[in-house]
Amino acid sequence: MIDKFIDPIFSDWKEYLKKQNSIHFINFIFILGLLVLWFGPSDRNISIKLADFNITKMVGNLQIMLYSLHFFQWEVGLSILSVLIIMFLWDKTLIQKLLPESELINGKTVGYSGQTAINKIILINYWYFHNIWIVLFFIDVLHNSNYHPIKNIELDFSLYDLIFWVNVIILLLTLIKALFSVENDTYFYGRIINYRESIYVELSHKKVSNSTYFLLKNTIMKPNLFYLVKEIHKPFSYEAEIVNYSPNLDEIQYQFEMLNSTNEQGSTT
């Protein structure tokens, strides 16, 4: 009986937080930490202990180590070096031969991309400077940190000060974006796309009179979208106009097949 009463309440909160996914939960922790730092009691000294381990003290030492200038230089230096190595190696055909695509029994194909590797390195750095820093900052605030940039603005910024103010700027931009953003259904009809972009997979094509039509699959949309597009005749261009689209392949394929083909060249895969 109690579960039936409580579950809808938690469901409403989960749905609300889901709608605020552009803000992200880690930023709510940052906001809470700032409020505690600014308005909280000055004598707060919350210690988190697990058995004989003082978690709060351990986190404080971890924060000092991870955000020391020495560790920061190594982390950024290794990230830049890794990106340069990936860019150099991926330009060679050898590395792509060593990492061929492989098919899985669930019908998916595993591929490898240098761009994906670079994106993951950037994501790791974002976690280092933003997410992990905010968690350590929050625990530090609960442990009654006496010094903080928000109360002690100095001209000579330390690394800690710099990371703090960068995260404040990120938070402000995130809040502004969430405040003014509005979500609407995307209208694809008449949109011009480059049908040779990697996000599109060509399923078939045919010529009708002097026009070429393509049946494409958008691989990044969830669920996947299928497009019927008409090529735009421009020199050195792969532009096409979306004639119709649908998450249902049969619907788009039927329209594609109903086109009056005079010189069919496509081959469905």
C-alpha atoms as a PDB file:
ATOM      1  CA  MET A   1       0.000   0.000   0.000  1.00  0.00           C
ATOM      2  CA  ILE A   2       2.805   2.408   0.921  1.00  0.00           C
ATOM      3  CA  ASP A   3       4.726   1.481  -2.261  1.00  0.00           C
ATOM      4  CA  LYS A   4       1.697   2.372  -4.381  1.00  0.00           C
ATOM      5  CA  PHE A   5       1.626   5.801  -2.731  1.00  0.00           C
ATOM      6  CA  ILE A   6       5.392   6.508  -2.885  1.00  0.00           C
ATOM      7  CA  ASP A   7       6.155   5.166  -6.395  1.00  0.00           C
ATOM      8  CA  PRO A   8       4.167   7.868  -8.279  1.00  0.00           C
ATOM      9  CA  ILE A   9       6.003  10.569  -6.286  1.00  0.00           C
ATOM     10  CA  PHE A  10       9.416   9.192  -7.207  1.00  0.00           C
ATOM     11  CA  SER A  11       8.243   8.628 -10.787  1.00  0.00           C
ATOM     12  CA  ASP A  12       7.308  12.315 -11.065  1.00  0.00           C
ATOM     13  CA  TRP A  13      10.743  13.372  -9.769  1.00  0.00           C
ATOM     14  CA  LYS A  14      12.541  10.964 -12.102  1.00  0.00           C
ATOM     15  CA  GLU A  15      10.521  12.305 -15.019  1.00  0.00           C
ATOM     16  CA  TYR A  16      11.348  15.889 -13.992  1.00  0.00           C
ATOM     17  CA  LEU A  17      15.081  15.172 -13.732  1.00  0.00           C
ATOM     18  CA  LYS A  18      14.910  13.401 -17.083  1.00  0.00           C
ATOM     19  CA  LYS A  19      13.492  16.571 -18.646  1.00  0.00           C
ATOM     20  CA  GLN A  20      16.381  18.532 -17.110  1.00  0.00           C
ATOM     21  CA  ASN A  21      18.970  16.220 -18.684  1.00  0.00           C
ATOM     22  CA  SER A  22      20.568  19.203 -20.400  1.00  0.00           C
ATOM     23  CA  ILE A  23      21.676  20.438 -16.962  1.00  0.00           C
ATOM     24  CA  HIS A  24      22.997  17.038 -15.795  1.00  0.00           C
ATOM     25  CA  PHE A  25      22.992  15.759 -12.240  1.00  0.00           C
ATOM     26  CA  ILE A  26      26.663  16.652 -11.643  1.00  0.00           C
ATOM     27  CA  ASN A  27      25.808  20.342 -12.101  1.00  0.00           C
ATOM     28  CA  PHE A  28      23.087  20.069  -9.443  1.00  0.00           C
ATOM     29  CA  ILE A  29      25.796  18.791  -7.065  1.00  0.00           C
ATOM     30  CA  PHE A  30      27.960  21.805  -7.996  1.00  0.00           C
ATOM     31  CA  ILE A  31      25.080  24.200  -7.307  1.00  0.00           C
ATOM     32  CA  LEU A  32      24.416  22.532  -3.943  1.00  0.00           C
ATOM     33  CA  GLY A  33      28.118  22.781  -3.068  1.00  0.00           C
ATOM     34  CA  LEU A  34      28.146  26.508  -3.928  1.00  0.00           C
ATOM     35  CA  LEU A  35      25.061  27.107  -1.780  1.00  0.00           C
ATOM     36  CA  VAL A  36      26.578  25.256   1.167  1.00  0.00           C
ATOM     37  CA  LEU A  37      29.848  27.165   0.730  1.00  0.00           C
ATOM     38  CA  TRP A  38      28.116  30.544   0.601  1.00  0.00           C
ATOM     39  CA  PHE A  39      25.205  30.121   3.023  1.00  0.00           C
ATOM     40  CA  GLY A  40      26.241  27.120   5.137  1.00  0.00           C
ATOM     41  CA  PRO A  41      27.470  27.347   8.729  1.00  0.00           C
ATOM     42  CA  SER A  42      31.154  28.173   9.145  1.00  0.00           C
ATOM     43  CA  ASP A  43      31.642  25.413  11.736  1.00  0.00           C
ATOM     44  CA  ARG A  44      30.539  22.535   9.500  1.00  0.00           C
ATOM     45  CA  ASN A  45      32.952  19.609   9.684  1.00  0.00           C
ATOM     46  CA  ILE A  46      31.317  16.531   8.211  1.00  0.00           C
ATOM     47  CA  SER A  47      33.617  13.505   8.173  1.00  0.00           C
ATOM     48  CA  ILE A  48      32.759  10.423   6.140  1.00  0.00           C
ATOM     49  CA  LYS A  49      34.284   7.251   7.543  1.00  0.00           C
ATOM     50  CA  LEU A  50      34.229   3.653   6.390  1.00  0.00           C
ATOM     51  CA  ALA A  51      35.592   1.205   8.989  1.00  0.00           C
ATOM     52  CA  ASP A  52      38.974   2.674   9.975  1.00  0.00           C
ATOM     53  CA  PHE A  53      39.323   4.773   6.818  1.00  0.00           C
ATOM     54  CA  ASN A  54      38.615   8.483   6.907  1.00  0.00           C
ATOM     55  CA  ILE A  55      37.070   8.927   3.465  1.00  0.00           C
ATOM     56  CA  THR A  56      36.982  12.706   3.772  1.00  0.00           C
ATOM     57  CA  LYS A  57      40.691  12.961   4.498  1.00  0.00           C
ATOM     58  CA  MET A  58      41.516  10.489   1.730  1.00  0.00           C
ATOM     59  CA  VAL A  59      39.439  12.511  -0.757  1.00  0.00           C
ATOM     60  CA  GLY A  60      41.240  15.697   0.328  1.00  0.00           C
ATOM     61  CA  ASN A  61      44.626  14.090  -0.341  1.00  0.00           C
ATOM     62  CA  LEU A  62      43.344  12.778  -3.685  1.00  0.00           C
ATOM     63  CA  GLN A  63      42.202  16.268  -4.645  1.00  0.00           C
ATOM     64  CA  ILE A  64      45.622  17.732  -3.831  1.00  0.00           C
ATOM     65  CA  MET A  65      47.336  15.060  -5.953  1.00  0.00           C
ATOM     66  CA  LEU A  66      45.004  15.090  -8.970  1.00  0.00           C
ATOM     67  CA  TYR A  67      44.908  18.864  -9.298  1.00  0.00           C
ATOM     68  CA  SER A  68      48.510  19.666  -8.559  1.00  0.00           C
ATOM     69  CA  LEU A  69      50.361  21.521 -11.302  1.00  0.00           C
ATOM     70  CA  HIS A  70      52.664  18.517 -11.847  1.00  0.00           C
ATOM     71  CA  PHE A  71      49.800  16.039 -12.406  1.00  0.00           C
ATOM     72  CA  PHE A  72      47.938  18.589 -14.546  1.00  0.00           C
ATOM     73  CA  GLN A  73      50.946  19.016 -16.860  1.00  0.00           C
ATOM     74  CA  TRP A  74      51.341  15.253 -17.283  1.00  0.00           C
ATOM     75  CA  GLU A  75      47.621  14.712 -17.898  1.00  0.00           C
ATOM     76  CA  VAL A  76      47.310  17.453 -20.529  1.00  0.00           C
ATOM     77  CA  GLY A  77      50.653  16.548 -22.132  1.00  0.00           C
ATOM     78  CA  LEU A  78      49.745  12.855 -22.486  1.00  0.00           C
ATOM     79  CA  SER A  79      46.325  13.773 -23.898  1.00  0.00           C
ATOM     80  CA  ILE A  80      47.826  16.034 -26.576  1.00  0.00           C
ATOM     81  CA  LEU A  81      50.488  13.432 -27.419  1.00  0.00           C
ATOM     82  CA  SER A  82      47.836  10.691 -27.683  1.00  0.00           C
ATOM     83  CA  VAL A  83      45.732  12.793 -30.069  1.00  0.00           C
ATOM     84  CA  LEU A  84      48.760  13.517 -32.285  1.00  0.00           C
ATOM     85  CA  ILE A  85      49.727   9.816 -32.384  1.00  0.00           C
ATOM     86  CA  ILE A  86      46.166   8.786 -33.293  1.00  0.00           C
ATOM     87  CA  MET A  87      45.987  11.407 -36.049  1.00  0.00           C
ATOM     88  CA  PHE A  88      49.337  10.239 -37.453  1.00  0.00           C
ATOM     89  CA  LEU A  89      48.679   6.481 -37.279  1.00  0.00           C
ATOM     90  CA  TRP A  90      45.122   6.650 -38.538  1.00  0.00           C
ATOM     91  CA  ASP A  91      46.341   8.396 -41.655  1.00  0.00           C
ATOM     92  CA  LYS A  92      48.231   5.222 -42.539  1.00  0.00           C
ATOM     93  CA  THR A  93      46.451   2.272 -44.122  1.00  0.00           C
ATOM     94  CA  LEU A  94      48.391  -0.157 -41.894  1.00  0.00           C
ATOM     95  CA  ILE A  95      46.534   0.739 -38.698  1.00  0.00           C
ATOM     96  CA  GLN A  96      43.189   0.287 -40.444  1.00  0.00           C
ATOM     97  CA  LYS A  97      44.250  -3.156 -41.659  1.00  0.00           C
ATOM     98  CA  LEU A  98      45.199  -4.123 -38.110  1.00  0.00           C
ATOM     99  CA  LEU A  99      41.733  -3.117 -36.885  1.00  0.00           C
ATOM    100  CA  PRO A 100      39.259  -4.492 -39.451  1.00  0.00           C
ATOM    101  CA  GLU A 101      35.520  -4.433 -38.920  1.00  0.00           C
ATOM    102  CA  SER A 102      34.021  -7.544 -37.340  1.00  0.00           C
ATOM    103  CA  GLU A 103      30.433  -8.795 -37.284  1.00  0.00           C
ATOM    104  CA  LEU A 104      28.770  -9.908 -34.050  1.00  0.00           C
ATOM    105  CA  ILE A 105      26.141 -12.621 -33.640  1.00  0.00           C
ATOM    106  CA  ASN A 106      23.553 -10.009 -32.593  1.00  0.00           C
ATOM    107  CA  GLY A 107      23.591  -8.518 -36.094  1.00  0.00           C
ATOM    108  CA  LYS A 108      25.796  -5.540 -35.240  1.00  0.00           C
ATOM    109  CA  THR A 109      29.166  -4.665 -36.727  1.00  0.00           C
ATOM    110  CA  VAL A 110      32.087  -3.442 -34.629  1.00  0.00           C
ATOM    111  CA  GLY A 111      34.188  -0.818 -36.360  1.00  0.00           C
ATOM    112  CA  TYR A 112      37.087   1.397 -35.317  1.00  0.00           C
ATOM    113  CA  SER A 113      37.500   5.108 -35.805  1.00  0.00           C
ATOM    114  CA  GLY A 114      40.322   7.489 -35.030  1.00  0.00           C
ATOM    115  CA  GLN A 115      37.768  10.275 -34.527  1.00  0.00           C
ATOM    116  CA  THR A 116      35.999   8.156 -31.893  1.00  0.00           C
ATOM    117  CA  ALA A 117      39.283   7.638 -30.036  1.00  0.00           C
ATOM    118  CA  ILE A 118      39.968  11.405 -30.037  1.00  0.00           C
ATOM    119  CA  ASN A 119      36.431  12.093 -28.807  1.00  0.00           C
ATOM    120  CA  LYS A 120      36.950   9.670 -25.909  1.00  0.00           C
ATOM    121  CA  ILE A 121      40.208  11.385 -24.923  1.00  0.00           C
ATOM    122  CA  ILE A 122      38.378  14.721 -24.901  1.00  0.00           C
ATOM    123  CA  LEU A 123      35.613  13.149 -22.794  1.00  0.00           C
ATOM    124  CA  ILE A 124      38.165  11.832 -20.276  1.00  0.00           C
ATOM    125  CA  ASN A 125      39.594  15.344 -19.942  1.00  0.00           C
ATOM    126  CA  TYR A 126      36.096  16.751 -19.456  1.00  0.00           C
ATOM    127  CA  TRP A 127      35.478  14.258 -16.651  1.00  0.00           C
ATOM    128  CA  TYR A 128      38.842  15.161 -15.098  1.00  0.00           C
ATOM    129  CA  PHE A 129      38.275  18.934 -15.141  1.00  0.00           C
ATOM    130  CA  HIS A 130      34.506  18.937 -14.548  1.00  0.00           C
ATOM    131  CA  ASN A 131      32.768  15.847 -13.136  1.00  0.00           C
ATOM    132  CA  ILE A 132      35.515  14.429 -10.904  1.00  0.00           C
ATOM    133  CA  TRP A 133      36.563  17.900  -9.753  1.00  0.00           C
ATOM    134  CA  ILE A 134      32.989  18.776  -8.735  1.00  0.00           C
ATOM    135  CA  VAL A 135      32.588  15.588  -6.658  1.00  0.00           C
ATOM    136  CA  LEU A 136      35.854  16.271  -4.797  1.00  0.00           C
ATOM    137  CA  PHE A 137      34.893  19.945  -4.428  1.00  0.00           C
ATOM    138  CA  PHE A 138      31.542  18.995  -2.874  1.00  0.00           C
ATOM    139  CA  ILE A 139      33.134  16.661  -0.310  1.00  0.00           C
ATOM    140  CA  ASP A 140      35.745  19.337   0.457  1.00  0.00           C
ATOM    141  CA  VAL A 141      32.989  21.902   1.088  1.00  0.00           C
ATOM    142  CA  LEU A 142      31.212  19.530   3.494  1.00  0.00           C
ATOM    143  CA  HIS A 143      34.525  19.121   5.338  1.00  0.00           C
ATOM    144  CA  ASN A 144      34.584  22.870   5.986  1.00  0.00           C
ATOM    145  CA  SER A 145      37.033  24.201   3.449  1.00  0.00           C
ATOM    146  CA  ASN A 146      38.176  27.581   4.787  1.00  0.00           C
ATOM    147  CA  TYR A 147      39.561  28.881   1.491  1.00  0.00           C
ATOM    148  CA  HIS A 148      37.754  29.080  -1.775  1.00  0.00           C
ATOM    149  CA  PRO A 149      37.935  31.345  -4.848  1.00  0.00           C
ATOM    150  CA  ILE A 150      34.294  32.376  -4.467  1.00  0.00           C
ATOM    151  CA  LYS A 151      35.162  34.092  -1.167  1.00  0.00           C
ATOM    152  CA  ASN A 152      38.791  34.946  -1.845  1.00  0.00           C
ATOM    153  CA  ILE A 153      39.166  36.501  -5.280  1.00  0.00           C
ATOM    154  CA  GLU A 154      42.832  37.203  -5.925  1.00  0.00           C
ATOM    155  CA  LEU A 155      44.729  38.438  -8.951  1.00  0.00           C
ATOM    156  CA  ASP A 156      47.257  35.612  -8.738  1.00  0.00           C
ATOM    157  CA  PHE A 157      45.139  32.620  -9.786  1.00  0.00           C
ATOM    158  CA  SER A 158      46.220  29.127  -8.784  1.00  0.00           C
ATOM    159  CA  LEU A 159      45.326  26.032 -10.829  1.00  0.00           C
ATOM    160  CA  TYR A 160      42.526  25.322  -8.348  1.00  0.00           C
ATOM    161  CA  ASP A 161      41.150  28.844  -8.851  1.00  0.00           C
ATOM    162  CA  LEU A 162      41.310  28.488 -12.619  1.00  0.00           C
ATOM    163  CA  ILE A 163      39.442  25.159 -12.676  1.00  0.00           C
ATOM    164  CA  PHE A 164      36.847  26.547 -10.266  1.00  0.00           C
ATOM    165  CA  TRP A 165      36.026  29.598 -12.392  1.00  0.00           C
ATOM    166  CA  VAL A 166      36.035  27.584 -15.639  1.00  0.00           C
ATOM    167  CA  ASN A 167      33.450  25.245 -14.095  1.00  0.00           C
ATOM    168  CA  VAL A 168      31.404  28.219 -12.894  1.00  0.00           C
ATOM    169  CA  ILE A 169      31.354  29.544 -16.479  1.00  0.00           C
ATOM    170  CA  ILE A 170      30.352  26.081 -17.793  1.00  0.00           C
ATOM    171  CA  LEU A 171      27.568  25.957 -15.195  1.00  0.00           C
ATOM    172  CA  LEU A 172      26.256  29.410 -16.162  1.00  0.00           C
ATOM    173  CA  LEU A 173      26.277  28.564 -19.870  1.00  0.00           C
ATOM    174  CA  THR A 174      24.505  25.263 -19.147  1.00  0.00           C
ATOM    175  CA  LEU A 175      21.798  27.004 -17.104  1.00  0.00           C
ATOM    176  CA  ILE A 176      21.295  29.667 -19.782  1.00  0.00           C
ATOM    177  CA  LYS A 177      21.020  26.990 -22.474  1.00  0.00           C
ATOM    178  CA  ALA A 178      18.524  24.976 -20.390  1.00  0.00           C
ATOM    179  CA  LEU A 179      16.486  28.120 -19.626  1.00  0.00           C
ATOM    180  CA  PHE A 180      16.031  29.222 -23.233  1.00  0.00           C
ATOM    181  CA  SER A 181      16.040  25.876 -25.058  1.00  0.00           C
ATOM    182  CA  VAL A 182      12.856  24.477 -26.522  1.00  0.00           C
ATOM    183  CA  GLU A 183      12.450  21.074 -28.114  1.00  0.00           C
ATOM    184  CA  ASN A 184      10.355  20.596 -31.255  1.00  0.00           C
ATOM    185  CA  ASP A 185       9.925  17.820 -33.749  1.00  0.00           C
ATOM    186  CA  THR A 186      12.454  18.125 -36.562  1.00  0.00           C
ATOM    187  CA  TYR A 187      10.992  18.855 -39.980  1.00  0.00           C
ATOM    188  CA  PHE A 188      13.180  17.098 -42.549  1.00  0.00           C
ATOM    189  CA  TYR A 189      11.186  17.730 -45.749  1.00  0.00           C
ATOM    190  CA  GLY A 190      13.179  19.851 -48.189  1.00  0.00           C
ATOM    191  CA  ARG A 191      16.336  19.788 -46.056  1.00  0.00           C
ATOM    192  CA  ILE A 192      19.602  19.727 -47.996  1.00  0.00           C
ATOM    193  CA  ILE A 193      22.118  17.079 -46.884  1.00  0.00           C
ATOM    194  CA  ASN A 194      25.433  15.688 -48.061  1.00  0.00           C
ATOM    195  CA  TYR A 195      24.515  12.088 -48.861  1.00  0.00           C
ATOM    196  CA  ARG A 196      28.183  11.055 -48.793  1.00  0.00           C
ATOM    197  CA  GLU A 197      28.566  11.900 -45.090  1.00  0.00           C
ATOM    198  CA  SER A 198      29.541   8.960 -42.888  1.00  0.00           C
ATOM    199  CA  ILE A 199      26.277   9.076 -40.931  1.00  0.00           C
ATOM    200  CA  TYR A 200      24.334   8.000 -44.041  1.00  0.00           C
ATOM    201  CA  VAL A 201      24.322   4.500 -45.500  1.00  0.00           C
ATOM    202  CA  GLU A 202      23.183   4.190 -49.100  1.00  0.00           C
ATOM    203  CA  LEU A 203      20.722   1.337 -49.516  1.00  0.00           C
ATOM    204  CA  SER A 204      19.826   1.928 -53.144  1.00  0.00           C
ATOM    205  CA  HIS A 205      19.732   4.489 -55.922  1.00  0.00           C
ATOM    206  CA  LYS A 206      18.064   4.904 -59.297  1.00  0.00           C
ATOM    207  CA  LYS A 207      17.739   7.430 -62.105  1.00  0.00           C
ATOM    208  CA  VAL A 208      14.383   8.837 -63.112  1.00  0.00           C
ATOM    209  CA  SER A 209      14.610  11.001 -66.227  1.00  0.00           C
ATOM    210  CA  ASN A 210      17.579  13.268 -65.496  1.00  0.00           C
ATOM    211  CA  SER A 211      17.344  13.016 -61.702  1.00  0.00           C
ATOM    212  CA  THR A 212      19.039  10.565 -59.345  1.00  0.00           C
ATOM    213  CA  TYR A 213      17.248   9.355 -56.228  1.00  0.00           C
ATOM    214  CA  PHE A 214      18.850   7.696 -53.222  1.00  0.00           C
ATOM    215  CA  LEU A 215      17.453   5.538 -50.472  1.00  0.00           C
ATOM    216  CA  LEU A 216      19.497   6.354 -47.345  1.00  0.00           C
ATOM    217  CA  LYS A 217      19.664   5.212 -43.754  1.00  0.00           C
ATOM    218  CA  ASN A 218      20.610   7.683 -41.013  1.00  0.00           C
ATOM    219  CA  THR A 219      22.709   5.660 -38.562  1.00  0.00           C
ATOM    220  CA  ILE A 220      22.876   8.159 -35.677  1.00  0.00           C
ATOM    221  CA  MET A 221      19.158   8.816 -35.197  1.00  0.00           C
ATOM    222  CA  LYS A 222      17.390   6.687 -32.592  1.00  0.00           C
ATOM    223  CA  PRO A 223      15.313   5.067 -33.920  1.00  0.00           C
ATOM    224  CA  ASN A 224      17.052   5.031 -37.286  1.00  0.00           C
ATOM    225  CA  LEU A 225      15.480   7.171 -39.996  1.00  0.00           C
ATOM    226  CA  PHE A 226      15.275   6.288 -43.674  1.00  0.00           C
ATOM    227  CA  TYR A 227      15.354   9.005 -46.333  1.00  0.00           C
ATOM    228  CA  LEU A 228      14.280   9.261 -49.920  1.00  0.00           C
ATOM    229  CA  VAL A 229      16.449  12.033 -51.374  1.00  0.00           C
ATOM    230  CA  LYS A 230      16.847  13.661 -54.765  1.00  0.00           C
ATOM    231  CA  GLU A 231      20.322  14.634 -55.914  1.00  0.00           C
ATOM    232  CA  ILE A 232      20.955  18.325 -56.583  1.00  0.00           C
ATOM    233  CA  HIS A 233      22.973  18.850 -59.746  1.00  0.00           C
ATOM    234  CA  LYS A 234      25.983  20.915 -58.725  1.00  0.00           C
ATOM    235  CA  PRO A 235      29.572  20.469 -59.878  1.00  0.00           C
ATOM    236  CA  PHE A 236      31.824  18.797 -57.278  1.00  0.00           C
ATOM    237  CA  SER A 237      28.899  18.468 -54.877  1.00  0.00           C
ATOM    238  CA  TYR A 238      27.127  15.560 -53.134  1.00  0.00           C
ATOM    239  CA  GLU A 239      24.090  17.514 -52.033  1.00  0.00           C
ATOM    240  CA  ALA A 240      20.579  16.091 -52.097  1.00  0.00           C
ATOM    241  CA  GLU A 241      17.132  17.245 -51.020  1.00  0.00           C
ATOM    242  CA  ILE A 242      15.043  15.085 -48.686  1.00  0.00           C
ATOM    243  CA  VAL A 243      11.821  14.141 -50.453  1.00  0.00           C
ATOM    244  CA  ASN A 244      10.414  11.930 -47.703  1.00  0.00           C
ATOM    245  CA  TYR A 245      11.544  10.242 -44.497  1.00  0.00           C
ATOM    246  CA  SER A 246      10.265   7.700 -42.009  1.00  0.00           C
ATOM    247  CA  PRO A 247      11.503   5.290 -39.296  1.00  0.00           C
ATOM    248  CA  ASN A 248       9.664   2.614 -41.297  1.00  0.00           C
ATOM    249  CA  LEU A 249      11.894   1.294 -44.092  1.00  0.00           C
ATOM    250  CA  ASP A 250       9.001  -0.393 -45.930  1.00  0.00           C
ATOM    251  CA  GLU A 251       7.189   2.926 -46.277  1.00  0.00           C
ATOM    252  CA  ILE A 252      10.158   4.728 -47.837  1.00  0.00           C
ATOM    253  CA  GLN A 253      11.182   1.729 -49.916  1.00  0.00           C
ATOM    254  CA  TYR A 254       7.679   1.498 -51.377  1.00  0.00           C
ATOM    255  CA  GLN A 255       7.787   5.147 -52.466  1.00  0.00           C
ATOM    256  CA  PHE A 256      11.281   4.606 -53.850  1.00  0.00           C
ATOM    257  CA  GLU A 257      10.155   1.608 -55.914  1.00  0.00           C
ATOM    258  CA  MET A 258       7.122   3.504 -57.215  1.00  0.00           C
ATOM    259  CA  LEU A 259       9.361   6.071 -58.867  1.00  0.00           C
ATOM    260  CA  ASN A 260       9.201   5.772 -62.637  1.00  0.00           C
ATOM    261  CA  SER A 261      12.679   4.357 -63.269  1.00  0.00           C
ATOM    262  CA  THR A 262      14.089   4.758 -66.734  1.00  0.00           C
ATOM    263  CA  ASN A 263      17.646   3.706 -65.951  1.00  0.00           C
ATOM    264  CA  GLU A 264      17.728   1.766 -62.700  1.00  0.00           C
ATOM    265  CA  GLN A 265      21.230   1.270 -61.333  1.00  0.00           C
ATOM    266  CA  GLY A 266      20.763   0.732 -57.604  1.00  0.00           C
ATOM    267  CA  SER A 267      21.329  -2.478 -55.714  1.00  0.00           C
ATOM    268  CA  THR A 268      19.698  -2.915 -52.327  1.00  0.00           C
ATOM    269  CA  THR A 269      21.941  -4.233 -49.553  1.00  0.00           C
END
